N, C-alpha and C. Protein backbone atom coordinates (compact mmCIF):
# COMPACT_ATOMS: atom_id res chain seq x y z
N MET A 1 1.86 -2.91 7.13
CA MET A 1 2.91 -3.87 7.31
C MET A 1 2.80 -4.51 8.69
N ALA A 2 2.49 -3.74 9.71
CA ALA A 2 2.37 -4.31 11.04
C ALA A 2 1.25 -5.34 11.10
N ALA A 3 0.19 -5.09 10.37
CA ALA A 3 -0.92 -6.04 10.37
C ALA A 3 -0.50 -7.38 9.79
N SER A 4 0.32 -7.37 8.76
CA SER A 4 0.75 -8.63 8.18
C SER A 4 1.74 -9.36 9.08
N LEU A 5 2.51 -8.63 9.86
CA LEU A 5 3.48 -9.26 10.74
C LEU A 5 2.86 -9.75 12.04
N ASN A 6 1.94 -9.00 12.58
CA ASN A 6 1.38 -9.31 13.89
C ASN A 6 0.03 -10.01 13.81
N GLY A 7 -0.51 -10.19 12.63
CA GLY A 7 -1.81 -10.84 12.50
C GLY A 7 -2.97 -9.97 12.92
N ALA A 8 -2.80 -8.66 12.91
CA ALA A 8 -3.88 -7.76 13.29
C ALA A 8 -5.01 -7.81 12.28
N ARG A 9 -6.20 -7.55 12.76
CA ARG A 9 -7.38 -7.57 11.88
C ARG A 9 -8.21 -6.32 12.10
N ILE A 10 -8.97 -5.96 11.09
CA ILE A 10 -9.95 -4.89 11.23
C ILE A 10 -11.28 -5.57 11.53
N GLU A 11 -11.76 -5.37 12.73
CA GLU A 11 -12.99 -6.01 13.15
C GLU A 11 -14.19 -5.25 12.62
N PRO A 12 -15.20 -5.97 12.15
CA PRO A 12 -16.43 -5.31 11.67
C PRO A 12 -17.04 -4.45 12.78
N GLY A 13 -17.39 -3.23 12.41
CA GLY A 13 -18.04 -2.33 13.35
C GLY A 13 -17.11 -1.61 14.29
N SER A 14 -15.80 -1.78 14.16
CA SER A 14 -14.88 -1.14 15.10
C SER A 14 -14.82 0.37 14.88
N VAL A 15 -14.43 0.78 13.71
CA VAL A 15 -14.35 2.20 13.36
C VAL A 15 -14.88 2.34 11.94
N VAL A 16 -15.75 3.30 11.75
CA VAL A 16 -16.33 3.51 10.42
C VAL A 16 -15.23 3.87 9.43
N GLY A 17 -15.14 3.13 8.33
CA GLY A 17 -14.18 3.41 7.28
C GLY A 17 -12.78 2.84 7.53
N ALA A 18 -12.60 2.06 8.58
CA ALA A 18 -11.26 1.54 8.89
C ALA A 18 -10.75 0.63 7.78
N ALA A 19 -11.58 -0.24 7.26
CA ALA A 19 -11.15 -1.16 6.21
C ALA A 19 -10.77 -0.40 4.94
N THR A 20 -11.54 0.61 4.61
CA THR A 20 -11.25 1.41 3.42
C THR A 20 -9.93 2.15 3.58
N ARG A 21 -9.70 2.72 4.75
CA ARG A 21 -8.44 3.43 4.99
C ARG A 21 -7.25 2.48 4.97
N ALA A 22 -7.41 1.30 5.52
CA ALA A 22 -6.31 0.32 5.52
C ALA A 22 -6.00 -0.14 4.10
N LEU A 23 -7.04 -0.39 3.30
CA LEU A 23 -6.84 -0.82 1.92
C LEU A 23 -6.17 0.27 1.10
N THR A 24 -6.59 1.51 1.28
CA THR A 24 -5.99 2.63 0.55
C THR A 24 -4.53 2.81 0.93
N ALA A 25 -4.22 2.70 2.21
CA ALA A 25 -2.82 2.83 2.65
C ALA A 25 -1.96 1.71 2.09
N ALA A 26 -2.47 0.49 2.10
CA ALA A 26 -1.71 -0.64 1.57
C ALA A 26 -1.49 -0.52 0.08
N ASP A 27 -2.46 0.05 -0.63
CA ASP A 27 -2.36 0.22 -2.08
C ASP A 27 -1.24 1.20 -2.44
N ARG A 28 -1.02 2.19 -1.60
CA ARG A 28 -0.02 3.22 -1.89
C ARG A 28 1.34 2.94 -1.29
N LEU A 29 1.46 1.88 -0.51
CA LEU A 29 2.72 1.56 0.16
C LEU A 29 3.68 0.86 -0.80
N ARG A 30 4.88 1.39 -0.92
CA ARG A 30 5.88 0.77 -1.79
C ARG A 30 6.50 -0.44 -1.12
N PRO A 31 6.91 -1.43 -1.91
CA PRO A 31 7.65 -2.53 -1.32
C PRO A 31 8.96 -2.01 -0.72
N TYR A 32 9.31 -2.51 0.44
CA TYR A 32 10.53 -2.09 1.14
C TYR A 32 10.58 -0.56 1.26
N CYS A 33 9.50 0.00 1.77
CA CYS A 33 9.37 1.46 1.84
C CYS A 33 10.43 2.12 2.72
N TRP A 34 11.06 1.36 3.61
CA TRP A 34 12.09 1.93 4.48
C TRP A 34 13.40 2.16 3.73
N ASP A 35 13.56 1.56 2.54
CA ASP A 35 14.78 1.75 1.75
C ASP A 35 14.59 2.99 0.89
N THR A 36 15.09 4.10 1.36
CA THR A 36 14.90 5.37 0.65
C THR A 36 16.08 5.74 -0.23
N THR A 37 17.13 4.93 -0.25
CA THR A 37 18.32 5.28 -1.03
C THR A 37 18.34 4.65 -2.42
N SER A 38 17.50 3.67 -2.66
CA SER A 38 17.49 2.98 -3.95
C SER A 38 16.57 3.69 -4.93
N PRO A 39 16.96 3.74 -6.20
CA PRO A 39 16.06 4.34 -7.19
C PRO A 39 14.85 3.44 -7.42
N ARG A 40 13.73 4.02 -7.72
CA ARG A 40 12.49 3.27 -7.96
C ARG A 40 12.11 3.43 -9.42
N THR A 41 12.54 2.49 -10.24
CA THR A 41 12.28 2.61 -11.68
C THR A 41 11.48 1.44 -12.24
N ARG A 42 11.62 0.25 -11.67
CA ARG A 42 10.92 -0.93 -12.19
C ARG A 42 9.53 -1.03 -11.56
N PRO A 43 8.58 -1.63 -12.27
CA PRO A 43 7.23 -1.76 -11.73
C PRO A 43 7.17 -2.52 -10.40
N ASP A 44 8.04 -3.50 -10.21
CA ASP A 44 8.00 -4.25 -8.96
C ASP A 44 8.56 -3.46 -7.78
N GLN A 45 9.09 -2.26 -8.04
CA GLN A 45 9.62 -1.40 -6.98
C GLN A 45 8.64 -0.29 -6.62
N LEU A 46 7.51 -0.25 -7.30
CA LEU A 46 6.52 0.81 -7.08
C LEU A 46 5.28 0.24 -6.41
N SER A 47 4.44 1.12 -5.89
CA SER A 47 3.19 0.68 -5.28
C SER A 47 2.20 0.33 -6.38
N HIS A 48 1.12 -0.34 -6.01
CA HIS A 48 0.09 -0.66 -6.99
C HIS A 48 -0.52 0.61 -7.56
N ALA A 49 -0.71 1.62 -6.72
CA ALA A 49 -1.28 2.88 -7.18
C ALA A 49 -0.36 3.56 -8.20
N GLU A 50 0.95 3.54 -7.97
CA GLU A 50 1.89 4.14 -8.91
C GLU A 50 1.91 3.38 -10.22
N ASN A 51 1.81 2.06 -10.17
CA ASN A 51 1.77 1.27 -11.41
C ASN A 51 0.50 1.56 -12.20
N ARG A 52 -0.63 1.69 -11.52
CA ARG A 52 -1.88 2.02 -12.23
C ARG A 52 -1.79 3.39 -12.88
N ALA A 53 -1.24 4.37 -12.16
CA ALA A 53 -1.10 5.72 -12.69
C ALA A 53 -0.17 5.75 -13.91
N ALA A 54 0.86 4.93 -13.90
CA ALA A 54 1.81 4.89 -15.02
C ALA A 54 1.21 4.26 -16.26
N THR A 55 0.26 3.35 -16.08
CA THR A 55 -0.32 2.66 -17.24
C THR A 55 -1.62 3.28 -17.71
N THR A 56 -2.18 4.18 -16.94
CA THR A 56 -3.44 4.82 -17.32
C THR A 56 -3.14 5.97 -18.27
N THR A 57 -3.85 6.01 -19.38
CA THR A 57 -3.67 7.10 -20.34
C THR A 57 -4.77 8.12 -20.13
N PRO A 58 -4.46 9.40 -20.29
CA PRO A 58 -5.47 10.45 -20.07
C PRO A 58 -6.55 10.46 -21.11
């Protein structure tokens, strides 16, 4: 979230795996993650990773 607000970038060659770690963290971050009192039941309230897990069949 800070990267989107401050315009931060992951520079090539800065830290090995930085882009992968940032992408993974963003994938698992819920919208409005600071709101911990609201129930999370609709797909638009969940992270992309949670939506994929809910639609994937074993």
